[in-house]
């Protein structure tokens, strides 16, 4: 949200949410994902709060959004957006899609896929290719397979985020733009000169953002395509002081025992298998950013696994932060647990 509009209290009010500015983008994304963001109205702000226009209020939305950030329901005079034709208007329903660079990834809706692709390319000027995944994230290199739906036949693009650009091969290395806000949240915690170990770096969206802020970064990935893109992205973004390693993070992390101020564990389906190495790499007082997929009725169940891993190496841990990063599937969420290593024997 690069530009906000001021709002005035007027008789013609509509429903919205008030949230502190620092949480505004995260709540906006969650409101969009819930289907309740009112695209016909403009977002507003003042020095303290962001005001997000909403279509309706319901208990389910209340519960889901409250897990992202504290907010208040309000009524306000939200200025109307200048009308632009939307995919929803052309299709008669709201399609699910993600845009990386100039490539849109849609849910494969069978016979509707071509209609969705056509609507996206007609209404979203920056989209040049539309693809649909035909597999989940799979294999030791965490990749997905896609089918071409419309536009150029390719899966390689350049994605821009937080002032940096990333060469991405969507079929060769996993990447999602939906973690953009989370990547900034973690990067905002780092200080120049701190040592960061990114155990599953991919094409570099965590590692390079933190290196740009002056951290000493070691970026590891087992996928040779991801590492190739990461090296290219370091050059593209003029990041010279970064160590890039190709191999198994479980073993390579042990070379940095008690060294890291921050350890990034963005491997949500199997990060628990690498906890011992991550805990050994973190210095006493270091923070580990741990990602997993969890059911909505037991979001932070992996905390017991984390405590057990700490006990194995003679360390203790404490929670620093925990939250929902994004919805992953019905009743399942991608969550983060930031925890501090307090000490070891």
Protein backbone atom coordinates (compact mmCIF):
# COMPACT_ATOMS: atom_id res chain seq x y z
CA UNK A 1 0.00 0.00 0.00
CA UNK A 2 2.19 2.78 -1.27
CA UNK A 3 -0.47 5.51 -1.23
CA UNK A 4 -3.29 6.17 1.19
CA UNK A 5 -6.13 8.68 1.08
CA UNK A 6 -7.34 10.71 4.04
CA UNK A 7 -10.97 10.08 5.03
CA UNK A 8 -13.49 12.51 6.42
CA UNK A 9 -16.47 11.66 8.57
CA UNK A 10 -19.50 12.16 6.31
CA UNK A 11 -23.16 11.05 6.30
CA UNK A 12 -22.57 8.52 3.50
CA UNK A 13 -20.63 5.98 5.51
CA UNK A 14 -19.72 2.37 4.76
CA UNK A 15 -18.27 -0.56 6.68
CA UNK A 16 -14.55 -0.94 7.29
CA UNK A 17 -11.75 -1.94 9.66
CA UNK A 18 -9.36 0.26 11.62
CA UNK A 19 -5.91 -1.20 12.25
CA UNK A 20 -2.54 0.20 13.32
CA UNK A 21 -0.40 1.18 10.33
CA UNK A 22 2.27 -1.41 11.08
CA UNK A 23 -0.33 -4.20 10.65
CA UNK A 24 -2.21 -2.61 7.74
CA UNK A 25 -0.75 -4.58 4.84
CA UNK A 26 -1.04 -7.94 6.60
CA UNK A 27 -4.68 -7.33 7.46
CA UNK A 28 -5.43 -6.02 3.95
CA UNK A 29 -4.11 -9.24 2.41
CA UNK A 30 -6.15 -11.34 4.82
CA UNK A 31 -9.25 -9.29 4.08
CA UNK A 32 -8.69 -9.84 0.34
CA UNK A 33 -8.16 -13.59 0.85
CA UNK A 34 -11.40 -13.79 2.86
CA UNK A 35 -13.29 -12.21 -0.05
CA UNK A 36 -14.51 -9.33 2.14
CA UNK A 37 -12.33 -6.48 0.86
CA UNK A 38 -14.45 -3.79 -0.86
CA UNK A 39 -12.54 -3.05 -4.06
CA UNK A 40 -14.97 -0.27 -4.98
CA UNK A 41 -13.64 1.91 -2.14
CA UNK A 42 -10.21 3.41 -1.49
CA UNK A 43 -8.02 2.56 1.51
CA UNK A 44 -7.52 5.52 3.85
CA UNK A 45 -5.03 6.34 6.59
CA UNK A 46 -3.86 8.88 9.12
CA UNK A 47 -0.66 9.06 11.17
CA UNK A 48 -1.69 6.17 13.41
CA UNK A 49 -4.19 3.95 11.61
CA UNK A 50 -5.05 2.40 8.26
CA UNK A 51 -8.76 2.14 7.36
CA UNK A 52 -9.73 -0.79 5.14
CA UNK A 53 -13.13 -0.87 3.35
CA UNK A 54 -15.09 -4.10 3.85
CA UNK A 55 -18.11 -5.65 2.17
CA UNK A 56 -19.71 -7.19 5.23
CA UNK A 57 -19.10 -8.39 8.76
CA UNK A 58 -19.52 -11.95 9.98
CA UNK A 59 -18.37 -14.06 12.91
CA UNK A 60 -16.15 -16.31 10.81
CA UNK A 61 -14.30 -13.30 9.37
CA UNK A 62 -13.97 -11.79 12.86
CA UNK A 63 -12.26 -14.91 14.15
CA UNK A 64 -9.91 -15.36 11.18
CA UNK A 65 -8.88 -11.71 10.94
CA UNK A 66 -8.33 -11.34 14.69
CA UNK A 67 -5.60 -13.97 14.42
CA UNK A 68 -3.72 -11.70 12.03
CA UNK A 69 -3.89 -8.40 13.95
CA UNK A 70 -6.01 -6.42 16.41
CA UNK A 71 -8.59 -4.23 14.71
CA UNK A 72 -11.92 -2.47 15.17
CA UNK A 73 -14.99 -2.48 12.92
CA UNK A 74 -15.96 1.07 11.97
CA UNK A 75 -18.18 3.06 9.63
CA UNK A 76 -16.45 5.72 7.55
CA UNK A 77 -16.77 7.73 4.36
CA UNK A 78 -14.44 5.72 2.10
CA UNK A 79 -13.85 7.48 -1.25
CA UNK A 80 -15.01 5.53 -4.29
CA UNK A 81 -12.39 3.97 -6.57
CA UNK A 82 -12.42 5.00 -10.21
CA UNK A 83 -14.19 2.14 -11.90
CA UNK A 84 -12.11 -0.41 -13.76
CA UNK A 85 -13.46 -3.61 -15.21
CA UNK A 86 -12.53 -6.51 -12.97
CA UNK A 87 -12.16 -10.24 -13.65
CA UNK A 88 -15.16 -10.77 -11.36
CA UNK A 89 -17.36 -8.61 -13.57
CA UNK A 90 -16.39 -10.51 -16.70
CA UNK A 91 -16.69 -13.94 -15.13
CA UNK A 92 -19.56 -13.56 -12.69
CA UNK A 93 -17.42 -14.98 -9.86
CA UNK A 94 -14.16 -14.19 -8.08
CA UNK A 95 -11.28 -16.32 -9.43
CA UNK A 96 -8.44 -17.48 -7.20
CA UNK A 97 -5.04 -16.51 -8.59
CA UNK A 98 -1.56 -15.34 -7.68
CA UNK A 99 0.70 -13.09 -9.76
CA UNK A 100 4.47 -13.51 -9.84
CA UNK A 101 6.14 -11.02 -12.14
CA UNK A 102 4.05 -11.08 -15.30
CA UNK A 103 2.77 -14.64 -14.78
CA UNK A 104 -0.60 -15.41 -13.22
CA UNK A 105 -1.05 -18.77 -11.52
CA UNK A 106 -4.69 -19.82 -11.31
CA UNK A 107 -6.45 -22.71 -9.66
CA UNK A 108 -7.13 -25.27 -12.39
CA UNK A 109 -10.91 -24.99 -12.78
CA UNK A 110 -11.15 -27.37 -15.72
CA UNK A 111 -13.34 -25.85 -18.42
CA UNK A 112 -13.28 -22.48 -16.62
CA UNK A 113 -9.47 -22.17 -16.76
CA UNK A 114 -9.43 -20.66 -20.23
CA UNK A 115 -12.23 -18.22 -19.34
CA UNK A 116 -10.37 -17.14 -16.21
CA UNK A 117 -7.14 -16.68 -18.15
CA UNK A 118 -8.89 -14.59 -20.77
CA UNK A 119 -10.50 -12.37 -18.13
CA UNK A 120 -7.21 -11.85 -16.31
CA UNK A 121 -5.31 -10.91 -19.45
CA UNK A 122 -8.10 -8.54 -20.49
CA UNK A 123 -8.28 -6.68 -17.17
CA UNK A 124 -4.75 -6.95 -15.71
CA UNK A 125 -2.36 -5.19 -18.07
CA UNK A 126 0.83 -6.62 -16.55
CA UNK A 127 -0.05 -10.29 -17.09
CA UNK A 128 1.60 -11.93 -20.10
CA UNK A 129 1.24 -15.62 -19.19
CA UNK A 130 -1.33 -17.70 -17.34
CA UNK A 131 -0.48 -21.14 -15.94
CA UNK A 132 -2.23 -23.62 -13.65
CA UNK A 133 -0.51 -26.04 -11.23
CA UNK A 134 -1.08 -29.73 -11.94
CA UNK A 135 0.77 -30.94 -8.84
CA UNK A 136 1.31 -29.96 -5.23
CA UNK A 137 4.78 -28.93 -4.06
CA UNK A 138 6.67 -32.21 -4.39
CA UNK A 139 10.08 -33.88 -4.28
CA UNK A 140 13.25 -32.99 -2.43
CA UNK A 141 13.59 -29.79 -4.46
CA UNK A 142 10.07 -28.54 -3.55
CA UNK A 143 8.84 -27.89 -7.08
CA UNK A 144 5.45 -27.82 -8.80
CA UNK A 145 4.39 -28.81 -12.29
CA UNK A 146 2.18 -26.50 -14.35
CA UNK A 147 0.14 -26.57 -17.52
CA UNK A 148 0.10 -23.62 -19.91
CA UNK A 149 -3.30 -21.92 -20.18
CA UNK A 150 -2.76 -18.67 -22.09
CA UNK A 151 -0.14 -16.19 -23.27
CA UNK A 152 3.58 -16.90 -23.62
CA UNK A 153 4.67 -20.48 -22.97
CA UNK A 154 7.11 -20.04 -20.11
CA UNK A 155 7.48 -20.31 -16.34
CA UNK A 156 10.41 -17.87 -15.97
CA UNK A 157 9.77 -14.27 -14.98
CA UNK A 158 11.19 -11.36 -12.97
CA UNK A 159 9.31 -10.49 -9.79
CA UNK A 160 9.71 -7.19 -7.95
CA UNK A 161 9.24 -6.91 -4.21
CA UNK A 162 10.32 -4.35 -1.58
CA UNK A 163 12.61 -2.59 -4.02
CA UNK A 164 14.43 -5.74 -5.18
CA UNK A 165 13.95 -7.89 -8.29
CA UNK A 166 14.10 -11.67 -8.47
CA UNK A 167 14.60 -13.99 -11.40
CA UNK A 168 12.12 -16.79 -10.74
CA UNK A 169 11.61 -20.13 -12.50
CA UNK A 170 8.25 -21.21 -11.11
CA UNK A 171 8.60 -24.77 -12.35
CA UNK A 172 12.24 -25.10 -11.27
CA UNK A 173 12.11 -23.53 -7.80
CA UNK A 174 9.21 -22.80 -5.44
CA UNK A 175 8.20 -19.15 -5.01
CA UNK A 176 5.06 -17.40 -3.79
CA UNK A 177 4.34 -13.68 -3.67
CA UNK A 178 1.96 -14.27 -0.77
CA UNK A 179 4.85 -14.23 1.70
CA UNK A 180 5.96 -10.72 0.73
CA UNK A 181 4.60 -9.11 3.88
CA UNK A 182 6.08 -11.84 6.06
CA UNK A 183 9.51 -11.44 4.47
CA UNK A 184 9.47 -7.74 5.31
CA UNK A 185 8.34 -8.44 8.88
CA UNK A 186 11.36 -10.66 9.47
CA UNK A 187 13.79 -8.37 7.63
CA UNK A 188 12.64 -5.45 9.78
CA UNK A 189 14.02 -7.30 12.82
CA UNK A 190 17.58 -7.55 11.53
CA UNK A 191 20.35 -5.06 12.21
CA UNK A 192 23.50 -4.28 10.21
CA UNK A 193 26.27 -6.70 11.07
CA UNK A 194 24.00 -9.43 12.42
CA UNK A 195 24.55 -12.93 11.09
CA UNK A 196 21.58 -14.55 9.33
CA UNK A 197 21.34 -18.21 8.29
CA UNK A 198 18.63 -18.87 5.68
CA UNK A 199 18.40 -22.66 5.61
CA UNK A 200 16.00 -22.97 2.65
CA UNK A 201 16.75 -19.81 0.70
CA UNK A 202 15.12 -20.61 -2.65
CA UNK A 203 15.71 -17.77 -5.12
CA UNK A 204 16.60 -15.44 -2.24
CA UNK A 205 13.60 -13.29 -1.17
CA UNK A 206 14.42 -13.52 2.54
CA UNK A 207 18.21 -13.67 2.19
CA UNK A 208 18.73 -10.81 -0.25
CA UNK A 209 16.33 -8.44 1.50
CA UNK A 210 18.17 -8.99 4.77
CA UNK A 211 21.59 -8.71 3.12
CA UNK A 212 20.54 -5.40 1.57
CA UNK A 213 19.91 -4.16 5.09
CA UNK A 214 23.47 -4.91 6.12
CA UNK A 215 23.16 -8.39 7.62
CA UNK A 216 25.86 -10.99 7.00
CA UNK A 217 23.83 -13.70 5.28
CA UNK A 218 24.54 -17.37 4.63
CA UNK A 219 21.93 -18.69 2.18
CA UNK A 220 21.54 -22.46 1.69
CA UNK A 221 19.44 -24.47 -0.73
CA UNK A 222 19.60 -28.01 -2.05
CA UNK A 223 17.86 -27.23 -5.35
CA UNK A 224 20.44 -26.37 -8.06
CA UNK A 225 17.88 -24.34 -10.06
CA UNK A 226 17.07 -22.26 -6.98
CA UNK A 227 20.76 -21.71 -6.25
CA UNK A 228 21.42 -20.64 -9.84
CA UNK A 229 18.59 -18.08 -9.62
CA UNK A 230 19.81 -16.97 -6.19
CA UNK A 231 23.33 -16.28 -7.49
CA UNK A 232 21.87 -14.33 -10.43
CA UNK A 233 19.59 -12.39 -8.10
CA UNK A 234 22.50 -11.42 -5.85
CA UNK A 235 24.17 -9.90 -8.92
CA UNK A 236 20.98 -8.22 -10.13
CA UNK A 237 20.48 -6.55 -6.78
CA UNK A 238 24.17 -5.73 -6.25
CA UNK A 239 24.42 -7.84 -3.11
CA UNK A 240 28.07 -8.79 -2.90
CA UNK A 241 28.47 -9.74 0.77
CA UNK A 242 26.49 -12.99 0.85
CA UNK A 243 27.60 -16.62 1.15
CA UNK A 244 25.55 -18.94 -1.07
CA UNK A 245 25.80 -22.70 -0.49
CA UNK A 246 24.26 -25.58 -2.41
CA UNK A 247 23.57 -28.66 -0.32
CA UNK A 248 21.71 -30.16 2.64
CA UNK A 249 20.97 -27.51 5.27
CA UNK A 250 20.89 -30.17 7.96
CA UNK A 251 24.63 -30.69 7.53
CA UNK A 252 25.78 -27.27 6.32
CA UNK A 253 24.14 -25.41 9.20
CA UNK A 254 26.39 -27.22 11.68
CA UNK A 255 29.38 -25.28 10.34
CA UNK A 256 27.88 -22.16 11.96
CA UNK A 257 27.30 -23.47 15.48
CA UNK A 258 26.33 -20.75 17.97
CA UNK A 259 26.81 -18.06 15.31
CA UNK A 260 23.45 -16.92 13.93
CA UNK A 261 21.43 -13.98 15.25
CA UNK A 262 18.55 -15.11 13.02
CA UNK A 263 17.79 -18.50 11.45
CA UNK A 264 15.11 -18.68 8.73
CA UNK A 265 13.30 -22.03 8.45
CA UNK A 266 10.86 -21.48 5.59
CA UNK A 267 10.16 -25.13 4.77
CA UNK A 268 6.63 -25.44 6.16
CA UNK A 269 5.98 -29.10 5.35
CA UNK A 270 9.15 -30.50 6.91
CA UNK A 271 11.03 -27.81 8.87
CA UNK A 272 10.70 -29.91 12.03
CA UNK A 273 13.24 -32.38 10.60
CA UNK A 274 15.92 -29.66 10.67
CA UNK A 275 15.31 -28.21 14.14
CA UNK A 276 18.38 -29.73 15.79
CA UNK A 277 20.70 -28.15 13.23
CA UNK A 278 18.90 -24.80 13.39
CA UNK A 279 19.10 -24.71 17.18
CA UNK A 280 22.80 -25.51 17.11
CA UNK A 281 23.46 -22.77 14.54
CA UNK A 282 21.63 -20.09 16.54
CA UNK A 283 23.70 -18.24 19.12
CA UNK A 284 22.33 -17.88 22.66
CA UNK A 285 19.77 -15.11 22.32
CA UNK A 286 19.38 -15.80 18.59
CA UNK A 287 15.90 -15.96 17.06
CA UNK A 288 14.66 -18.80 14.84
CA UNK A 289 11.80 -18.06 12.43
CA UNK A 290 10.01 -21.39 12.03
CA UNK A 291 7.24 -22.04 9.48
CA UNK A 292 4.78 -24.92 9.35
CA UNK A 293 1.32 -25.93 8.13
CA UNK A 294 -1.18 -26.47 10.94
CA UNK A 295 -4.93 -27.05 11.43
CA UNK A 296 -6.91 -24.03 12.55
CA UNK A 297 -7.96 -25.74 15.78
CA UNK A 298 -4.33 -26.33 16.85
CA UNK A 299 -2.28 -23.65 15.11
CA UNK A 300 0.85 -23.81 17.23
CA UNK A 301 1.05 -27.52 17.93
CA UNK A 302 4.66 -27.60 16.64
CA UNK A 303 5.77 -25.73 19.76
CA UNK A 304 6.00 -29.08 21.58
CA UNK A 305 8.27 -30.38 18.80
CA UNK A 306 10.45 -27.28 19.11
CA UNK A 307 10.78 -27.69 22.88
CA UNK A 308 11.71 -31.35 22.45
CA UNK A 309 14.43 -30.46 19.94
CA UNK A 310 15.83 -27.84 22.31
CA UNK A 311 15.95 -30.36 25.15
CA UNK A 312 17.92 -32.78 22.95
CA UNK A 313 20.76 -30.28 22.56
CA UNK A 314 20.58 -28.97 26.13
CA UNK A 315 19.03 -25.62 25.26
CA UNK A 316 15.89 -23.81 26.33
CA UNK A 317 13.58 -21.72 24.15
CA UNK A 318 10.93 -19.05 24.51
CA UNK A 319 8.26 -17.79 22.10
CA UNK A 320 8.88 -14.32 20.70
CA UNK A 321 6.01 -14.14 18.22
CA UNK A 322 3.49 -16.43 16.59
CA UNK A 323 0.92 -15.74 13.90
CA UNK A 324 -0.88 -16.82 10.75
CA UNK A 325 1.07 -16.04 7.58
CA UNK A 326 -1.69 -17.04 5.14
CA UNK A 327 -4.49 -19.50 4.58
CA UNK A 328 -3.14 -22.68 2.99
CA UNK A 329 -6.20 -24.88 2.50
CA UNK A 330 -9.68 -25.14 4.05
CA UNK A 331 -9.18 -25.15 7.85
CA UNK A 332 -5.37 -25.22 7.47
CA UNK A 333 -2.95 -22.34 7.77
CA UNK A 334 0.68 -21.50 7.10
CA UNK A 335 1.86 -20.24 10.50
CA UNK A 336 5.08 -18.82 11.89
CA UNK A 337 6.59 -19.30 15.33
CA UNK A 338 9.51 -16.98 16.17
CA UNK A 339 11.38 -18.33 19.17
CA UNK A 340 14.58 -17.39 21.01
CA UNK A 341 17.31 -19.83 21.99
CA UNK A 342 18.02 -18.98 25.59
CA UNK A 343 21.13 -21.08 26.23
CA UNK A 344 22.85 -24.44 25.85
CA UNK A 345 25.27 -26.68 27.67
